[in-house]
Amino acid sequence: MKYVFNSLEVDSDSIFVALTTGRKNGNEFAEDAFMRGAKFLILSQEPDFEIPSEKFIVVQDTLEYITNLARQKFWNLLIQGVKTISITGSIGKTTTKDFLIFLLTLVGEKVYGTSGNLNNNIGVPFTILNSPTDINFLVLEMGMNNPGEIAYLNNIANCDIKIITDISAAHIGNFSNGLKDISAAKGEILNQSNAETVFITKPDLLFLQNITSTFKGKINLIGEASKYFIKNGKTYFEVNGKNYFLSKVKTKEWLKSILFGFKVLEVLGLPFPKDISSFTLAAGRGDETILKNGCT
């Protein structure tokens, strides 16, 4: 069973959620979802078409409703022993998330995580609701444009392992005190920490001391990749005495996402793989274009 909010994605195994985002009223697409075979509809107004009463429910706020469902499912996953990981940061969170899912799968774990960059107040609940129950790990990417948004997402999914990849000037116009406020907003991911919570970040993270001033858990810092060089379009490097290579990941900044993944394995006591060369970046990331004047 999958939860969807786009009627075009509906199939016979779908629950359609009629979201109202300000631009579109999802209730207007309810009939289309039903005709496409949706098993159930979650609406915020009575349907104006023929549909059996057991096929839908009307709630006051569909997003609030499914968010509460997601919060409950998240806790159920915790109870059954699923390890949960949340990732935020101004730069690198999607690549870190993608590599971490790749890496955990590579060492034999059952993993589910955020698709693409569906990392907001809609994407996080839908990711949780669509996660299988027979997984070992749930990996959630959390994005924000304004203060309080990460705190809101963290309240839905207070994960065991929390990662902040970087702090930079993205969305700085929404923060009166610039980078200091951005760091505080990213640091909201550490809310509700306890002695067992693990925080992973880089050692030179801006305002790291401020972010961790009330953190109650364990702090782990990523290191550096050694023996780093590029040859024939491939990046070669060493982590913990093991040699690796990747295509398209061509700077040490890109490698930080790789190091976050390895640090998670280290914290969890999982084995390092022998080969990660099959990892590929999402389409459009790391691509090279040769211009007519010969510039790359």
Protein backbone atom coordinates (compact mmCIF):
# COMPACT_ATOMS: atom_id res chain seq x y z
CA MET A 1 0.00 0.00 0.00
CA LYS A 2 1.44 3.40 -0.94
CA TYR A 3 0.33 6.92 -0.08
CA VAL A 4 0.28 9.39 -2.98
CA PHE A 5 -0.86 12.99 -3.40
CA ASN A 6 -0.63 13.10 -7.21
CA SER A 7 -3.62 11.43 -8.85
CA LEU A 8 -1.47 10.61 -11.88
CA GLU A 9 0.62 8.28 -9.69
CA VAL A 10 -2.39 6.33 -8.43
CA ASP A 11 -2.70 2.62 -9.05
CA SER A 12 -4.73 -0.18 -7.48
CA ASP A 13 -2.41 -0.26 -4.45
CA SER A 14 -2.70 3.45 -3.60
CA ILE A 15 -4.19 5.61 -0.88
CA PHE A 16 -4.82 9.06 -2.36
CA VAL A 17 -4.35 12.05 -0.06
CA ALA A 18 -6.05 15.27 -1.18
CA LEU A 19 -3.56 17.95 -0.17
CA THR A 20 -4.30 21.65 -0.44
CA THR A 21 -0.98 23.41 -0.93
CA GLY A 22 -2.22 26.92 -1.61
CA ARG A 23 -2.00 26.55 -5.36
CA LYS A 24 -4.07 23.42 -5.89
CA ASN A 25 -6.95 21.81 -4.06
CA GLY A 26 -6.32 18.08 -4.02
CA ASN A 27 -10.02 17.37 -3.56
CA GLU A 28 -10.52 18.42 -7.19
CA PHE A 29 -8.47 15.39 -8.25
CA ALA A 30 -10.23 12.90 -6.00
CA GLU A 31 -12.53 11.58 -8.69
CA ASP A 32 -9.59 11.08 -11.05
CA ALA A 33 -7.76 9.15 -8.30
CA PHE A 34 -10.82 6.99 -7.67
CA MET A 35 -11.28 6.26 -11.38
CA ARG A 36 -7.61 5.26 -11.61
CA GLY A 37 -8.26 2.57 -9.00
CA ALA A 38 -7.23 4.10 -5.66
CA LYS A 39 -8.05 1.77 -2.78
CA PHE A 40 -8.92 4.62 -0.43
CA LEU A 41 -9.20 8.43 -0.44
CA ILE A 42 -8.35 10.85 2.38
CA LEU A 43 -10.25 14.07 1.67
CA SER A 44 -10.95 17.38 3.37
CA GLN A 45 -14.40 17.87 1.81
CA GLU A 46 -17.28 15.62 0.84
CA PRO A 47 -16.83 14.06 -2.63
CA ASP A 48 -19.13 15.37 -5.40
CA PHE A 49 -19.12 12.04 -7.27
CA GLU A 50 -20.46 8.56 -6.63
CA ILE A 51 -18.16 6.58 -4.34
CA PRO A 52 -18.89 3.90 -1.70
CA SER A 53 -18.70 5.28 1.84
CA GLU A 54 -16.09 2.66 2.84
CA LYS A 55 -13.74 4.00 0.17
CA PHE A 56 -13.03 7.43 1.69
CA ILE A 57 -12.74 9.50 4.84
CA VAL A 58 -13.22 13.26 5.27
CA VAL A 59 -10.92 15.00 7.77
CA GLN A 60 -10.44 18.64 8.68
CA ASP A 61 -6.82 18.86 7.52
CA THR A 62 -5.41 16.08 5.34
CA LEU A 63 -1.76 17.04 5.87
CA GLU A 64 -2.16 17.12 9.64
CA TYR A 65 -3.97 13.79 9.48
CA ILE A 66 -1.29 11.96 7.52
CA THR A 67 1.46 13.65 9.59
CA ASN A 68 -0.05 12.16 12.73
CA LEU A 69 -0.24 8.78 10.98
CA ALA A 70 3.44 9.11 10.02
CA ARG A 71 4.45 10.04 13.57
CA GLN A 72 2.70 6.93 14.90
CA LYS A 73 4.26 4.69 12.25
CA PHE A 74 7.70 6.12 12.99
CA TRP A 75 7.38 5.16 16.64
CA ASN A 76 6.15 1.71 15.67
CA LEU A 77 9.28 1.29 13.53
CA LEU A 78 11.45 2.32 16.49
CA ILE A 79 9.69 -0.18 18.74
CA GLN A 80 10.36 -3.00 16.29
CA GLY A 81 14.07 -2.11 16.25
CA VAL A 82 14.48 -0.14 13.03
CA LYS A 83 17.49 2.21 13.21
CA THR A 84 16.61 5.70 12.01
CA ILE A 85 18.88 8.34 10.50
CA SER A 86 18.05 11.98 9.70
CA ILE A 87 20.20 14.24 7.52
CA THR A 88 20.16 18.00 7.08
CA GLY A 89 22.64 20.63 5.93
CA SER A 90 23.00 23.50 3.49
CA ILE A 91 25.09 21.43 1.07
CA GLY A 92 25.43 17.71 0.41
CA LYS A 93 22.42 16.26 2.22
CA THR A 94 20.87 14.55 -0.83
CA THR A 95 24.16 12.99 -1.97
CA THR A 96 24.91 11.93 1.62
CA LYS A 97 21.46 10.36 1.86
CA ASP A 98 21.82 8.59 -1.49
CA PHE A 99 25.27 7.23 -0.65
CA LEU A 100 24.21 6.12 2.82
CA ILE A 101 21.26 4.16 1.40
CA PHE A 102 23.62 2.66 -1.20
CA LEU A 103 26.24 1.79 1.41
CA LEU A 104 23.86 0.18 3.91
CA THR A 105 22.27 -1.85 1.13
CA LEU A 106 25.72 -2.88 -0.10
CA VAL A 107 26.65 -4.37 3.28
CA GLY A 108 23.42 -6.39 3.36
CA GLU A 109 20.95 -4.21 5.25
CA LYS A 110 17.31 -3.58 4.26
CA VAL A 111 16.99 0.18 3.86
CA TYR A 112 14.30 2.66 2.87
CA GLY A 113 14.75 6.39 2.52
CA THR A 114 13.75 9.70 1.05
CA SER A 115 13.14 9.64 -2.69
CA GLY A 116 14.90 12.46 -4.55
CA ASN A 117 14.79 15.50 -2.31
CA LEU A 118 11.26 15.11 -0.89
CA ASN A 119 12.53 16.50 2.39
CA ASN A 120 9.89 18.97 3.60
CA ASN A 121 6.74 18.84 5.75
CA ILE A 122 5.03 16.84 2.99
CA GLY A 123 7.91 14.64 1.82
CA VAL A 124 8.98 13.41 5.26
CA PRO A 125 5.52 12.10 6.33
CA PHE A 126 4.98 10.43 2.96
CA THR A 127 8.42 8.79 3.12
CA ILE A 128 7.64 7.36 6.55
CA LEU A 129 4.17 6.17 5.56
CA ASN A 130 5.51 4.47 2.43
CA SER A 131 8.37 2.72 4.20
CA PRO A 132 8.10 -1.09 4.37
CA THR A 133 7.87 -2.59 7.85
CA ASP A 134 10.54 -5.27 7.24
CA ILE A 135 13.45 -2.82 7.03
CA ASN A 136 16.51 -2.44 9.25
CA PHE A 137 17.13 1.25 8.49
CA LEU A 138 15.07 4.32 7.65
CA VAL A 139 17.02 7.27 6.21
CA LEU A 140 15.26 10.66 6.15
CA GLU A 141 16.47 13.83 4.49
CA MET A 142 15.23 17.01 6.17
CA GLY A 143 15.32 20.39 4.43
CA MET A 144 14.32 23.87 5.51
CA ASN A 145 13.91 27.43 4.27
CA ASN A 146 12.95 29.07 7.57
CA PRO A 147 13.50 28.73 11.33
CA GLY A 148 11.38 26.10 13.03
CA GLU A 149 10.97 23.82 10.01
CA ILE A 150 13.63 21.29 11.05
CA ALA A 151 12.21 21.29 14.60
CA TYR A 152 8.80 20.45 13.12
CA LEU A 153 10.23 17.54 11.10
CA ASN A 154 12.31 16.35 14.05
CA ASN A 155 9.12 16.25 16.12
CA ILE A 156 7.66 13.82 13.57
CA ALA A 157 10.80 11.69 13.36
CA ASN A 158 13.29 12.02 16.22
CA CYS A 159 15.98 9.76 14.77
CA ASP A 160 18.69 7.69 16.45
CA ILE A 161 21.48 9.12 14.29
CA LYS A 162 21.47 12.76 13.18
CA ILE A 163 23.75 14.28 10.55
CA ILE A 164 24.46 17.92 9.68
CA THR A 165 26.56 17.98 6.51
CA ASP A 166 27.40 21.69 6.32
CA ILE A 167 26.30 25.25 7.10
CA SER A 168 26.31 27.82 4.29
CA ALA A 169 24.40 30.87 3.07
CA ALA A 170 21.50 29.01 1.40
CA HIS A 171 18.19 30.86 2.14
CA ILE A 172 20.17 33.45 4.12
CA GLY A 173 17.57 36.11 3.23
CA ASN A 174 15.13 34.39 5.58
CA PHE A 175 17.45 34.76 8.60
CA SER A 176 18.04 38.13 10.25
CA ASN A 177 21.36 37.09 11.85
CA GLY A 178 22.71 35.30 8.79
CA LEU A 179 24.80 32.17 9.21
CA LYS A 180 24.41 32.13 12.98
CA ASP A 181 20.64 31.80 12.62
CA ILE A 182 21.01 29.23 9.82
CA SER A 183 23.21 27.10 12.06
CA ALA A 184 20.65 27.34 14.87
CA ALA A 185 17.89 26.28 12.47
CA LYS A 186 19.92 23.29 11.24
CA GLY A 187 20.75 22.49 14.86
CA GLU A 188 17.05 21.94 15.56
CA ILE A 189 17.64 18.40 14.30
CA LEU A 190 19.36 17.74 17.65
CA ASN A 191 16.23 18.57 19.65
CA GLN A 192 14.90 15.84 21.97
CA SER A 193 18.31 14.17 22.16
CA ASN A 194 19.21 11.65 24.85
CA ALA A 195 22.35 9.85 25.95
CA GLU A 196 22.02 7.33 23.11
CA THR A 197 21.51 9.86 20.31
CA VAL A 198 24.41 10.00 17.84
CA PHE A 199 25.35 13.24 16.08
CA ILE A 200 27.70 13.09 13.09
CA THR A 201 29.16 16.19 11.43
CA LYS A 202 32.43 17.62 10.12
CA PRO A 203 34.99 19.05 12.56
CA ASP A 204 34.97 22.56 11.05
CA LEU A 205 31.17 23.00 11.02
CA LEU A 206 30.32 26.65 11.61
CA PHE A 207 29.01 27.36 15.13
CA LEU A 208 29.48 23.70 16.11
CA GLN A 209 29.91 24.59 19.78
CA ASN A 210 26.68 26.63 19.80
CA ILE A 211 24.74 23.86 18.03
CA THR A 212 25.86 21.20 20.52
CA SER A 213 25.61 23.28 23.71
CA THR A 214 22.47 21.43 24.87
CA PHE A 215 23.04 18.15 23.00
CA LYS A 216 22.92 15.13 25.34
CA GLY A 217 24.24 12.39 23.07
CA LYS A 218 27.47 11.28 21.41
CA ILE A 219 29.29 13.48 18.87
CA ASN A 220 31.25 11.84 16.03
CA LEU A 221 33.31 13.86 13.56
CA ILE A 222 34.21 12.69 10.07
CA GLY A 223 37.86 12.63 9.10
CA GLU A 224 39.57 13.21 5.77
CA ALA A 225 40.06 10.93 2.80
CA SER A 226 43.77 10.18 2.33
CA LYS A 227 45.76 9.32 -0.82
CA TYR A 228 43.29 11.44 -2.79
CA PHE A 229 43.96 11.85 -6.52
CA ILE A 230 42.10 11.97 -9.84
CA LYS A 231 43.14 9.91 -12.85
CA ASN A 232 41.29 9.16 -16.10
CA GLY A 233 38.06 10.69 -14.81
CA LYS A 234 38.03 8.65 -11.60
CA THR A 235 38.68 9.77 -8.04
CA TYR A 236 40.86 7.48 -5.94
CA PHE A 237 41.10 7.73 -2.16
CA GLU A 238 41.61 5.76 1.03
CA VAL A 239 39.32 5.43 4.07
CA ASN A 240 40.47 3.54 7.18
CA GLY A 241 43.21 1.78 5.24
CA LYS A 242 40.95 0.64 2.38
CA ASN A 243 41.37 1.93 -1.17
CA TYR A 244 38.33 3.04 -3.22
CA PHE A 245 37.50 4.83 -6.43
CA LEU A 246 34.44 6.61 -7.78
CA SER A 247 33.43 8.28 -11.01
CA LYS A 248 32.00 11.84 -11.14
CA VAL A 249 32.82 12.53 -7.46
CA LYS A 250 35.83 14.69 -8.22
CA THR A 251 36.53 17.03 -5.30
CA LYS A 252 37.17 16.60 -1.61
CA GLU A 253 33.95 18.50 -0.93
CA TRP A 254 32.01 15.78 -2.78
CA LEU A 255 33.93 13.16 -0.80
CA LYS A 256 32.54 14.51 2.48
CA SER A 257 29.22 12.85 1.60
CA ILE A 258 31.09 9.58 1.16
CA LEU A 259 32.85 10.02 4.51
CA PHE A 260 29.54 10.57 6.28
CA GLY A 261 28.37 7.21 4.99
CA PHE A 262 31.51 5.43 6.19
CA LYS A 263 31.27 7.14 9.59
CA VAL A 264 27.74 5.74 10.02
CA LEU A 265 29.07 2.22 9.30
CA GLU A 266 31.83 2.79 11.85
CA VAL A 267 29.41 4.03 14.52
CA LEU A 268 27.12 1.04 13.92
CA GLY A 269 29.96 -1.47 13.90
CA LEU A 270 29.12 -2.60 10.37
CA PRO A 271 31.80 -3.85 7.95
CA PHE A 272 33.29 -1.58 5.31
CA PRO A 273 32.64 -2.84 1.76
CA LYS A 274 35.51 -3.78 -0.53
CA ASP A 275 34.20 -1.85 -3.54
CA ILE A 276 31.87 1.17 -3.89
CA SER A 277 32.55 1.92 -7.56
CA SER A 278 28.96 1.15 -8.58
CA PHE A 279 27.65 4.20 -6.70
CA THR A 280 26.30 6.83 -9.08
CA LEU A 281 25.25 10.39 -8.33
CA ALA A 282 21.72 11.53 -9.07
CA ALA A 283 21.15 12.78 -12.61
CA GLY A 284 22.64 16.23 -13.14
CA ARG A 285 25.09 16.07 -10.25
CA GLY A 286 28.76 15.94 -11.12
CA ASP A 287 28.12 16.10 -14.89
CA GLU A 288 30.76 17.73 -17.09
CA THR A 289 30.02 19.85 -20.13
CA ILE A 290 32.61 20.82 -22.74
CA LEU A 291 31.82 24.28 -24.15
CA LYS A 292 32.59 25.35 -27.70
CA ASN A 293 35.60 27.36 -26.56
CA GLY A 294 37.10 24.28 -24.96
CA CYS A 295 36.26 25.17 -21.37
CA THR A 296 34.99 22.38 -19.11
